[in-house]
N, C-alpha and C. Protein backbone atom coordinates (compact mmCIF):
# COMPACT_ATOMS: atom_id res chain seq x y z
N PHE A 1 -3.29 48.02 -32.84
CA PHE A 1 -3.79 49.32 -33.26
C PHE A 1 -3.23 50.49 -32.45
N THR A 2 -3.05 50.25 -31.23
CA THR A 2 -2.58 51.37 -30.32
C THR A 2 -1.09 51.38 -30.12
N VAL A 3 -0.34 50.56 -30.83
CA VAL A 3 1.12 50.52 -30.66
C VAL A 3 1.66 51.90 -31.09
N MET A 4 2.35 52.53 -30.22
CA MET A 4 2.81 53.94 -30.48
C MET A 4 3.98 54.01 -31.45
N ASP A 5 4.73 52.95 -31.68
CA ASP A 5 5.84 53.08 -32.54
C ASP A 5 5.44 52.97 -34.04
N GLU A 6 4.17 52.67 -34.28
CA GLU A 6 3.71 52.68 -35.68
C GLU A 6 3.50 54.14 -36.12
N GLY A 7 3.60 54.32 -37.41
CA GLY A 7 3.35 55.67 -37.94
C GLY A 7 1.86 56.02 -37.91
N VAL A 8 1.59 57.32 -37.83
CA VAL A 8 0.28 57.78 -37.70
C VAL A 8 -0.59 57.39 -38.93
N GLU A 9 0.01 57.44 -40.08
CA GLU A 9 -0.74 57.07 -41.32
C GLU A 9 -1.23 55.63 -41.26
N LYS A 10 -0.38 54.72 -40.74
CA LYS A 10 -0.79 53.36 -40.65
C LYS A 10 -1.91 53.19 -39.65
N ARG A 11 -1.86 53.88 -38.54
CA ARG A 11 -2.87 53.80 -37.53
C ARG A 11 -4.21 54.41 -38.08
N VAL A 12 -4.08 55.48 -38.87
CA VAL A 12 -5.27 56.10 -39.44
C VAL A 12 -5.94 55.12 -40.42
N PHE A 13 -5.16 54.45 -41.21
CA PHE A 13 -5.66 53.48 -42.13
C PHE A 13 -6.35 52.37 -41.43
N ILE A 14 -5.77 51.84 -40.34
CA ILE A 14 -6.42 50.79 -39.56
C ILE A 14 -7.68 51.33 -38.89
N ALA A 15 -7.65 52.56 -38.36
CA ALA A 15 -8.82 53.17 -37.76
C ALA A 15 -9.98 53.27 -38.76
N LEU A 16 -9.62 53.66 -40.02
CA LEU A 16 -10.65 53.71 -41.13
C LEU A 16 -11.27 52.39 -41.33
N GLN A 17 -10.41 51.34 -41.41
CA GLN A 17 -10.94 50.01 -41.69
C GLN A 17 -11.86 49.54 -40.54
N LEU A 18 -11.43 49.75 -39.28
CA LEU A 18 -12.26 49.39 -38.17
C LEU A 18 -13.62 50.11 -38.20
N ALA A 19 -13.57 51.46 -38.37
CA ALA A 19 -14.81 52.23 -38.34
C ALA A 19 -15.78 51.77 -39.46
N MET A 20 -15.25 51.47 -40.61
CA MET A 20 -16.09 51.02 -41.71
C MET A 20 -16.73 49.68 -41.47
N ARG A 21 -16.27 49.05 -40.46
CA ARG A 21 -16.87 47.73 -40.06
C ARG A 21 -17.66 47.88 -38.75
N GLY A 22 -17.98 49.15 -38.34
CA GLY A 22 -18.80 49.37 -37.22
C GLY A 22 -18.08 49.35 -35.84
N ASP A 23 -16.77 49.41 -35.90
CA ASP A 23 -15.97 49.42 -34.69
C ASP A 23 -15.43 50.86 -34.47
N ASP A 24 -15.78 51.39 -33.31
CA ASP A 24 -15.43 52.80 -33.07
C ASP A 24 -14.10 53.04 -32.33
N ARG A 25 -13.30 52.00 -32.22
CA ARG A 25 -12.02 52.20 -31.43
C ARG A 25 -11.11 53.25 -31.94
N GLY A 26 -11.10 53.52 -33.23
CA GLY A 26 -10.14 54.47 -33.78
C GLY A 26 -10.78 55.83 -34.13
N VAL A 27 -12.02 56.07 -33.71
CA VAL A 27 -12.80 57.26 -34.12
C VAL A 27 -12.05 58.53 -33.65
N ASP A 28 -11.54 58.52 -32.37
CA ASP A 28 -10.85 59.74 -31.85
C ASP A 28 -9.66 60.05 -32.71
N LEU A 29 -8.87 59.06 -33.12
CA LEU A 29 -7.74 59.29 -34.05
C LEU A 29 -8.20 59.84 -35.36
N LEU A 30 -9.28 59.34 -35.93
CA LEU A 30 -9.76 59.87 -37.22
C LEU A 30 -10.19 61.31 -37.14
N MET A 31 -10.89 61.65 -36.08
CA MET A 31 -11.31 63.05 -35.93
C MET A 31 -10.15 63.96 -35.72
N ARG A 32 -9.20 63.52 -34.95
CA ARG A 32 -7.99 64.37 -34.73
C ARG A 32 -7.16 64.53 -35.97
N HIS A 33 -7.06 63.50 -36.78
CA HIS A 33 -6.20 63.49 -37.97
C HIS A 33 -6.94 64.20 -39.10
N PHE A 34 -8.22 64.35 -39.10
CA PHE A 34 -9.04 64.95 -40.12
C PHE A 34 -8.48 66.29 -40.60
N SER A 35 -8.28 67.17 -39.62
CA SER A 35 -7.83 68.55 -39.98
C SER A 35 -6.32 68.61 -40.18
N GLU A 36 -5.58 67.56 -39.84
CA GLU A 36 -4.16 67.58 -39.98
C GLU A 36 -3.73 67.09 -41.40
N THR A 37 -4.65 66.43 -42.13
CA THR A 37 -4.23 65.94 -43.43
C THR A 37 -4.66 66.91 -44.53
N ASP A 38 -3.87 66.92 -45.56
CA ASP A 38 -4.18 67.81 -46.71
C ASP A 38 -4.89 66.99 -47.81
N SER A 39 -5.06 65.66 -47.60
CA SER A 39 -5.67 64.85 -48.56
C SER A 39 -7.15 64.83 -48.48
N LYS A 40 -7.80 65.39 -49.46
CA LYS A 40 -9.29 65.39 -49.53
C LYS A 40 -9.85 63.94 -49.54
N ALA A 41 -9.12 63.06 -50.24
CA ALA A 41 -9.59 61.68 -50.33
C ALA A 41 -9.67 61.04 -48.93
N ILE A 42 -8.62 61.31 -48.11
CA ILE A 42 -8.63 60.74 -46.76
C ILE A 42 -9.71 61.39 -45.93
N GLN A 43 -9.95 62.71 -46.11
CA GLN A 43 -11.02 63.36 -45.39
C GLN A 43 -12.42 62.82 -45.76
N TYR A 44 -12.60 62.58 -47.05
CA TYR A 44 -13.86 61.99 -47.53
C TYR A 44 -14.04 60.59 -46.96
N GLN A 45 -12.95 59.80 -47.03
CA GLN A 45 -13.05 58.46 -46.42
C GLN A 45 -13.33 58.49 -44.91
N THR A 46 -12.77 59.52 -44.25
CA THR A 46 -12.98 59.64 -42.81
C THR A 46 -14.47 59.93 -42.53
N MET A 47 -15.06 60.79 -43.36
CA MET A 47 -16.52 61.04 -43.19
C MET A 47 -17.32 59.75 -43.39
N ARG A 48 -16.96 58.99 -44.36
CA ARG A 48 -17.65 57.71 -44.68
C ARG A 48 -17.49 56.81 -43.47
N ALA A 49 -16.28 56.69 -42.97
CA ALA A 49 -16.03 55.80 -41.83
C ALA A 49 -16.73 56.22 -40.58
N LEU A 50 -16.84 57.53 -40.37
CA LEU A 50 -17.49 58.03 -39.16
C LEU A 50 -18.99 57.68 -39.21
N GLY A 51 -19.57 57.72 -40.39
CA GLY A 51 -20.97 57.36 -40.50
C GLY A 51 -21.18 55.86 -40.31
N GLU A 52 -20.21 55.06 -40.77
CA GLU A 52 -20.37 53.62 -40.67
C GLU A 52 -19.94 53.09 -39.32
N CYS A 53 -19.32 53.93 -38.49
CA CYS A 53 -18.92 53.40 -37.13
C CYS A 53 -20.06 53.11 -36.25
N GLY A 54 -21.24 53.74 -36.51
CA GLY A 54 -22.41 53.45 -35.71
C GLY A 54 -22.43 54.19 -34.33
N ASN A 55 -21.59 55.13 -34.14
CA ASN A 55 -21.52 55.82 -32.84
C ASN A 55 -22.06 57.25 -33.00
N VAL A 56 -23.17 57.58 -32.43
CA VAL A 56 -23.75 58.89 -32.61
C VAL A 56 -22.93 60.00 -31.94
N LEU A 57 -21.97 59.64 -31.13
CA LEU A 57 -21.09 60.66 -30.54
C LEU A 57 -20.23 61.38 -31.52
N VAL A 58 -20.16 60.89 -32.73
CA VAL A 58 -19.39 61.60 -33.79
C VAL A 58 -20.21 62.77 -34.41
N LEU A 59 -21.50 62.81 -34.08
CA LEU A 59 -22.38 63.78 -34.75
C LEU A 59 -21.92 65.25 -34.56
N PRO A 60 -21.53 65.72 -33.37
CA PRO A 60 -21.02 67.09 -33.33
C PRO A 60 -19.87 67.41 -34.24
N PHE A 61 -18.97 66.42 -34.36
CA PHE A 61 -17.81 66.64 -35.30
C PHE A 61 -18.33 66.70 -36.71
N ILE A 62 -19.21 65.86 -37.11
CA ILE A 62 -19.72 65.86 -38.51
C ILE A 62 -20.50 67.17 -38.77
N LYS A 63 -21.26 67.61 -37.76
CA LYS A 63 -21.97 68.88 -37.94
C LYS A 63 -21.04 70.07 -38.20
N GLU A 64 -19.89 70.02 -37.60
CA GLU A 64 -18.89 71.07 -37.87
C GLU A 64 -18.43 71.01 -39.31
N VAL A 65 -18.28 69.81 -39.85
CA VAL A 65 -17.82 69.65 -41.18
C VAL A 65 -18.90 70.15 -42.18
N LEU A 66 -20.16 70.12 -41.78
CA LEU A 66 -21.27 70.65 -42.58
C LEU A 66 -21.08 72.17 -42.97
N LYS A 67 -20.27 72.79 -42.19
CA LYS A 67 -20.03 74.25 -42.39
C LYS A 67 -18.99 74.54 -43.47
N SER A 68 -18.40 73.47 -44.02
CA SER A 68 -17.35 73.59 -44.97
C SER A 68 -17.90 74.25 -46.32
N LYS A 69 -17.00 74.93 -47.01
CA LYS A 69 -17.33 75.55 -48.28
C LYS A 69 -17.22 74.52 -49.42
N ASP A 70 -16.60 73.45 -49.13
CA ASP A 70 -16.40 72.33 -50.12
C ASP A 70 -17.69 71.47 -50.19
N GLU A 71 -18.40 71.65 -51.35
CA GLU A 71 -19.69 70.91 -51.45
C GLU A 71 -19.54 69.40 -51.38
N ARG A 72 -18.42 68.87 -51.89
CA ARG A 72 -18.17 67.44 -51.82
C ARG A 72 -17.95 67.02 -50.30
N MET A 73 -17.33 67.84 -49.58
CA MET A 73 -17.14 67.52 -48.16
C MET A 73 -18.48 67.53 -47.41
N VAL A 74 -19.29 68.51 -47.71
CA VAL A 74 -20.63 68.55 -47.16
C VAL A 74 -21.43 67.36 -47.55
N TRP A 75 -21.37 66.93 -48.81
CA TRP A 75 -22.03 65.73 -49.29
C TRP A 75 -21.63 64.55 -48.53
N HIS A 76 -20.31 64.35 -48.33
CA HIS A 76 -19.85 63.18 -47.56
C HIS A 76 -20.34 63.29 -46.08
N ALA A 77 -20.36 64.51 -45.48
CA ALA A 77 -20.77 64.65 -44.14
C ALA A 77 -22.27 64.30 -44.00
N LEU A 78 -23.08 64.75 -44.94
CA LEU A 78 -24.53 64.40 -44.93
C LEU A 78 -24.75 62.93 -45.07
N ASN A 79 -23.97 62.28 -45.98
CA ASN A 79 -24.14 60.86 -46.12
C ASN A 79 -23.77 60.10 -44.84
N ALA A 80 -22.76 60.66 -44.14
CA ALA A 80 -22.37 60.06 -42.87
C ALA A 80 -23.50 60.19 -41.84
N ILE A 81 -24.09 61.35 -41.77
CA ILE A 81 -25.23 61.59 -40.87
C ILE A 81 -26.33 60.60 -41.13
N GLY A 82 -26.62 60.35 -42.41
CA GLY A 82 -27.64 59.41 -42.82
C GLY A 82 -27.41 58.00 -42.40
N GLN A 83 -26.16 57.67 -42.09
CA GLN A 83 -25.83 56.30 -41.75
C GLN A 83 -25.84 56.13 -40.22
N LEU A 84 -25.90 57.17 -39.49
CA LEU A 84 -25.86 57.04 -37.99
C LEU A 84 -27.22 56.53 -37.48
N PRO A 85 -27.16 55.74 -36.42
CA PRO A 85 -28.39 55.19 -35.86
C PRO A 85 -29.13 56.23 -34.94
N MET A 86 -29.90 57.10 -35.56
CA MET A 86 -30.61 58.11 -34.87
C MET A 86 -32.12 58.01 -35.12
N GLU A 87 -32.94 58.42 -34.17
CA GLU A 87 -34.40 58.46 -34.36
C GLU A 87 -34.84 59.75 -34.94
N LYS A 88 -34.12 60.85 -34.70
CA LYS A 88 -34.48 62.17 -35.19
C LYS A 88 -33.35 62.74 -36.05
N ALA A 89 -33.72 63.33 -37.16
CA ALA A 89 -32.77 63.95 -38.02
C ALA A 89 -32.30 65.27 -37.36
N PRO A 90 -31.04 65.58 -37.41
CA PRO A 90 -30.62 66.91 -36.88
C PRO A 90 -31.21 68.01 -37.70
N PRO A 91 -31.55 69.11 -37.10
CA PRO A 91 -32.19 70.22 -37.82
C PRO A 91 -31.34 70.76 -39.03
N GLU A 92 -30.04 70.56 -38.91
CA GLU A 92 -29.19 71.02 -39.94
C GLU A 92 -29.47 70.35 -41.27
N VAL A 93 -29.85 69.07 -41.25
CA VAL A 93 -30.18 68.35 -42.42
C VAL A 93 -31.32 69.01 -43.21
N SER A 94 -32.36 69.30 -42.52
CA SER A 94 -33.53 69.93 -43.15
C SER A 94 -33.17 71.36 -43.66
N ALA A 95 -32.40 72.03 -42.87
CA ALA A 95 -31.93 73.41 -43.29
C ALA A 95 -31.15 73.36 -44.58
N ILE A 96 -30.36 72.36 -44.75
CA ILE A 96 -29.49 72.28 -45.91
C ILE A 96 -30.30 71.91 -47.19
N LEU A 97 -31.51 71.43 -47.04
CA LEU A 97 -32.34 71.13 -48.22
C LEU A 97 -32.59 72.35 -49.08
N VAL A 98 -32.29 73.56 -48.62
CA VAL A 98 -32.46 74.74 -49.50
C VAL A 98 -31.11 75.27 -49.97
N ASP A 99 -30.07 74.51 -49.83
CA ASP A 99 -28.72 74.93 -50.27
C ASP A 99 -28.74 75.20 -51.77
N GLU A 100 -27.90 76.06 -52.26
CA GLU A 100 -27.87 76.38 -53.69
C GLU A 100 -27.31 75.22 -54.57
N SER A 101 -26.61 74.36 -53.91
CA SER A 101 -25.98 73.22 -54.68
C SER A 101 -26.93 72.05 -54.76
N PRO A 102 -27.23 71.59 -55.97
CA PRO A 102 -28.11 70.44 -56.10
C PRO A 102 -27.49 69.15 -55.47
N LEU A 103 -26.14 69.06 -55.56
CA LEU A 103 -25.44 67.93 -54.98
C LEU A 103 -25.67 67.88 -53.45
N VAL A 104 -25.61 69.02 -52.78
CA VAL A 104 -25.81 69.10 -51.36
C VAL A 104 -27.29 68.82 -51.02
N ARG A 105 -28.19 69.36 -51.81
CA ARG A 105 -29.64 69.09 -51.52
C ARG A 105 -29.91 67.61 -51.69
N MET A 106 -29.33 66.92 -52.69
CA MET A 106 -29.47 65.51 -52.87
C MET A 106 -28.97 64.75 -51.65
N ALA A 107 -27.84 65.11 -51.16
CA ALA A 107 -27.23 64.41 -50.00
C ALA A 107 -28.11 64.61 -48.80
N ALA A 108 -28.73 65.80 -48.61
CA ALA A 108 -29.59 66.04 -47.45
C ALA A 108 -30.90 65.21 -47.59
N LEU A 109 -31.35 65.02 -48.80
CA LEU A 109 -32.49 64.21 -49.03
C LEU A 109 -32.16 62.70 -48.74
N PHE A 110 -30.98 62.29 -49.12
CA PHE A 110 -30.53 60.96 -48.84
C PHE A 110 -30.50 60.74 -47.27
N ALA A 111 -29.90 61.66 -46.58
CA ALA A 111 -29.84 61.52 -45.15
C ALA A 111 -31.23 61.53 -44.52
N SER A 112 -32.13 62.40 -44.99
CA SER A 112 -33.47 62.46 -44.40
C SER A 112 -34.17 61.14 -44.64
N GLY A 113 -34.04 60.53 -45.84
CA GLY A 113 -34.72 59.32 -46.07
C GLY A 113 -34.19 58.19 -45.21
N HIS A 114 -32.88 58.08 -45.12
CA HIS A 114 -32.33 57.04 -44.32
C HIS A 114 -32.55 57.14 -42.83
N LEU A 115 -32.67 58.34 -42.34
CA LEU A 115 -32.93 58.47 -40.92
C LEU A 115 -34.39 58.16 -40.56
N LYS A 116 -35.24 58.26 -41.58
CA LYS A 116 -36.68 57.93 -41.42
C LYS A 116 -37.36 58.71 -40.31
N ASP A 117 -37.03 59.96 -40.18
CA ASP A 117 -37.65 60.87 -39.19
C ASP A 117 -38.91 61.39 -39.87
N ARG A 118 -40.09 61.05 -39.45
CA ARG A 118 -41.34 61.44 -40.04
C ARG A 118 -41.48 63.01 -40.12
N LEU A 119 -40.81 63.67 -39.26
CA LEU A 119 -40.89 65.14 -39.24
C LEU A 119 -40.23 65.74 -40.43
N THR A 120 -39.45 65.04 -41.15
CA THR A 120 -38.75 65.56 -42.35
C THR A 120 -39.58 65.39 -43.60
N ILE A 121 -40.69 64.67 -43.55
CA ILE A 121 -41.52 64.38 -44.76
C ILE A 121 -41.96 65.67 -45.43
N PRO A 122 -42.46 66.72 -44.69
CA PRO A 122 -42.87 67.91 -45.40
C PRO A 122 -41.68 68.59 -46.20
N TYR A 123 -40.49 68.50 -45.64
CA TYR A 123 -39.32 69.04 -46.38
C TYR A 123 -39.00 68.27 -47.62
N ILE A 124 -39.12 66.95 -47.46
CA ILE A 124 -38.87 66.11 -48.69
C ILE A 124 -39.89 66.36 -49.75
N LEU A 125 -41.19 66.49 -49.30
CA LEU A 125 -42.27 66.73 -50.28
C LEU A 125 -42.07 68.05 -50.99
N HIS A 126 -41.53 69.04 -50.25
CA HIS A 126 -41.25 70.35 -50.89
C HIS A 126 -40.18 70.18 -52.00
N ARG A 127 -39.23 69.33 -51.82
CA ARG A 127 -38.21 69.15 -52.82
C ARG A 127 -38.69 68.49 -54.08
N LEU A 128 -39.92 67.94 -54.06
CA LEU A 128 -40.50 67.38 -55.30
C LEU A 128 -40.71 68.44 -56.35
N GLU A 129 -40.71 69.71 -55.93
CA GLU A 129 -40.83 70.82 -56.89
C GLU A 129 -39.52 71.48 -57.20
N ASP A 130 -38.40 70.87 -56.81
CA ASP A 130 -37.10 71.47 -57.06
C ASP A 130 -36.86 71.72 -58.52
N GLU A 131 -36.10 72.74 -58.89
CA GLU A 131 -35.86 73.01 -60.32
C GLU A 131 -34.93 71.95 -60.97
N ASP A 132 -34.19 71.22 -60.11
CA ASP A 132 -33.21 70.20 -60.62
C ASP A 132 -33.92 68.85 -60.64
N PRO A 133 -33.97 68.22 -61.81
CA PRO A 133 -34.67 66.92 -61.93
C PRO A 133 -34.04 65.84 -61.05
N TYR A 134 -32.70 65.90 -60.90
CA TYR A 134 -32.05 64.87 -60.09
C TYR A 134 -32.44 65.03 -58.59
N VAL A 135 -32.60 66.27 -58.14
CA VAL A 135 -33.05 66.52 -56.75
C VAL A 135 -34.45 65.97 -56.62
N ARG A 136 -35.34 66.20 -57.62
CA ARG A 136 -36.72 65.70 -57.54
C ARG A 136 -36.68 64.19 -57.45
N ALA A 137 -35.86 63.50 -58.27
CA ALA A 137 -35.78 62.08 -58.26
C ALA A 137 -35.29 61.53 -56.90
N VAL A 138 -34.27 62.16 -56.33
CA VAL A 138 -33.77 61.78 -55.07
C VAL A 138 -34.77 62.02 -53.93
N ALA A 139 -35.57 63.05 -54.12
CA ALA A 139 -36.65 63.32 -53.11
C ALA A 139 -37.66 62.15 -53.14
N LEU A 140 -37.95 61.63 -54.36
CA LEU A 140 -38.84 60.47 -54.44
C LEU A 140 -38.18 59.22 -53.81
N LEU A 141 -36.87 59.06 -53.98
CA LEU A 141 -36.18 57.94 -53.33
C LEU A 141 -36.23 58.08 -51.80
N GLY A 142 -36.14 59.32 -51.32
CA GLY A 142 -36.24 59.52 -49.88
C GLY A 142 -37.64 59.18 -49.34
N LEU A 143 -38.66 59.56 -50.12
CA LEU A 143 -40.00 59.24 -49.70
C LEU A 143 -40.28 57.71 -49.63
N GLN A 144 -39.59 56.97 -50.51
CA GLN A 144 -39.74 55.56 -50.52
C GLN A 144 -39.34 54.88 -49.20
N LYS A 145 -38.56 55.57 -48.39
CA LYS A 145 -38.16 55.01 -47.10
C LYS A 145 -39.29 54.99 -46.05
N PHE A 146 -40.40 55.78 -46.38
CA PHE A 146 -41.47 55.94 -45.43
C PHE A 146 -42.66 55.19 -45.93
N LYS A 147 -43.57 54.85 -45.03
CA LYS A 147 -44.80 54.17 -45.41
C LYS A 147 -45.63 55.24 -46.25
N PHE A 148 -46.16 54.75 -47.34
CA PHE A 148 -46.92 55.63 -48.29
C PHE A 148 -48.16 56.22 -47.62
N GLU A 149 -48.38 57.50 -47.93
CA GLU A 149 -49.61 58.18 -47.43
C GLU A 149 -50.34 58.75 -48.62
N GLU A 150 -51.66 58.59 -48.63
CA GLU A 150 -52.46 59.05 -49.76
C GLU A 150 -52.40 60.56 -49.87
N GLY A 151 -52.11 61.29 -48.79
CA GLY A 151 -51.98 62.73 -48.82
C GLY A 151 -50.87 63.24 -49.75
N TRP A 152 -49.99 62.34 -50.13
CA TRP A 152 -48.85 62.72 -50.97
C TRP A 152 -49.30 62.79 -52.46
N LEU A 153 -50.43 62.13 -52.82
CA LEU A 153 -50.80 61.98 -54.19
C LEU A 153 -50.86 63.31 -55.01
N PRO A 154 -51.42 64.37 -54.43
CA PRO A 154 -51.44 65.64 -55.19
C PRO A 154 -50.07 66.12 -55.64
N ARG A 155 -49.05 65.77 -54.78
CA ARG A 155 -47.68 66.16 -55.09
C ARG A 155 -46.98 65.22 -56.07
N LEU A 156 -47.43 63.95 -56.02
CA LEU A 156 -46.81 62.89 -56.82
C LEU A 156 -47.41 62.83 -58.27
N GLU A 157 -48.70 63.07 -58.44
CA GLU A 157 -49.33 62.96 -59.74
C GLU A 157 -48.68 63.82 -60.82
N PRO A 158 -48.35 65.06 -60.61
CA PRO A 158 -47.71 65.83 -61.72
C PRO A 158 -46.33 65.32 -62.11
N LEU A 159 -45.67 64.60 -61.14
CA LEU A 159 -44.33 64.03 -61.50
C LEU A 159 -44.43 62.86 -62.46
N GLY A 160 -45.56 62.29 -62.62
CA GLY A 160 -45.77 61.23 -63.59
C GLY A 160 -45.62 61.74 -65.04
N ARG A 161 -45.69 63.06 -65.19
CA ARG A 161 -45.56 63.75 -66.48
C ARG A 161 -44.28 64.58 -66.56
N ASP A 162 -43.38 64.39 -65.61
CA ASP A 162 -42.15 65.16 -65.52
C ASP A 162 -41.31 65.02 -66.70
N GLU A 163 -40.58 66.07 -67.10
CA GLU A 163 -39.70 66.00 -68.29
C GLU A 163 -38.57 65.07 -68.09
N SER A 164 -38.20 64.76 -66.89
CA SER A 164 -37.10 63.86 -66.58
C SER A 164 -37.56 62.44 -66.57
N GLY A 165 -36.92 61.55 -67.33
CA GLY A 165 -37.23 60.16 -67.32
C GLY A 165 -36.95 59.48 -65.99
N TRP A 166 -35.88 59.95 -65.30
CA TRP A 166 -35.55 59.37 -64.03
C TRP A 166 -36.70 59.68 -62.99
N VAL A 167 -37.16 60.91 -63.02
CA VAL A 167 -38.29 61.26 -62.13
C VAL A 167 -39.55 60.43 -62.38
N ARG A 168 -39.88 60.28 -63.62
CA ARG A 168 -41.03 59.44 -64.03
C ARG A 168 -40.83 57.95 -63.54
N LEU A 169 -39.62 57.51 -63.71
CA LEU A 169 -39.30 56.13 -63.31
C LEU A 169 -39.50 55.94 -61.74
N GLU A 170 -38.98 56.94 -61.02
CA GLU A 170 -39.13 56.86 -59.58
C GLU A 170 -40.62 56.97 -59.12
N VAL A 171 -41.43 57.79 -59.84
CA VAL A 171 -42.83 57.87 -59.49
C VAL A 171 -43.45 56.52 -59.75
N ALA A 172 -43.14 55.87 -60.82
CA ALA A 172 -43.72 54.59 -61.18
C ALA A 172 -43.39 53.47 -60.16
N ARG A 173 -42.25 53.63 -59.55
CA ARG A 173 -41.87 52.67 -58.51
C ARG A 173 -42.77 52.69 -57.34
């Protein structure tokens, strides 16, 4: 992996494969190469790999990517955060739950649910009233990661009559 006579693309590919298997040996190369490549696909894969590497030291780098104007890039960065082994969700995740993009809000809900930080539950509950039915459904998926609380019932009951079949299905689960 560290042989210097190999091309950088080959080393990046190997680093991606290692990181996706929980090995963080190539993480520095991935972060360095991220801004040097013009390939969005490689950047998206890099975000995925950084999340799967299991090293929370990549969090500051991923937080910088959250500032991107590219909603797909932010989506991948939020998914990466959701895969990191952390006890507390970064405050940026909850802040992004009010983003104008439904795709970004869904990714923030995914990350909140997977991190299982109980402090994010009020933010997830608030998204049950989102105007986008897919966001409402993903909010329900996020809640499923936590132990059920009867206090949620007033927020859940109206969703049993939601116009979206997906939302009704998730309520029934």
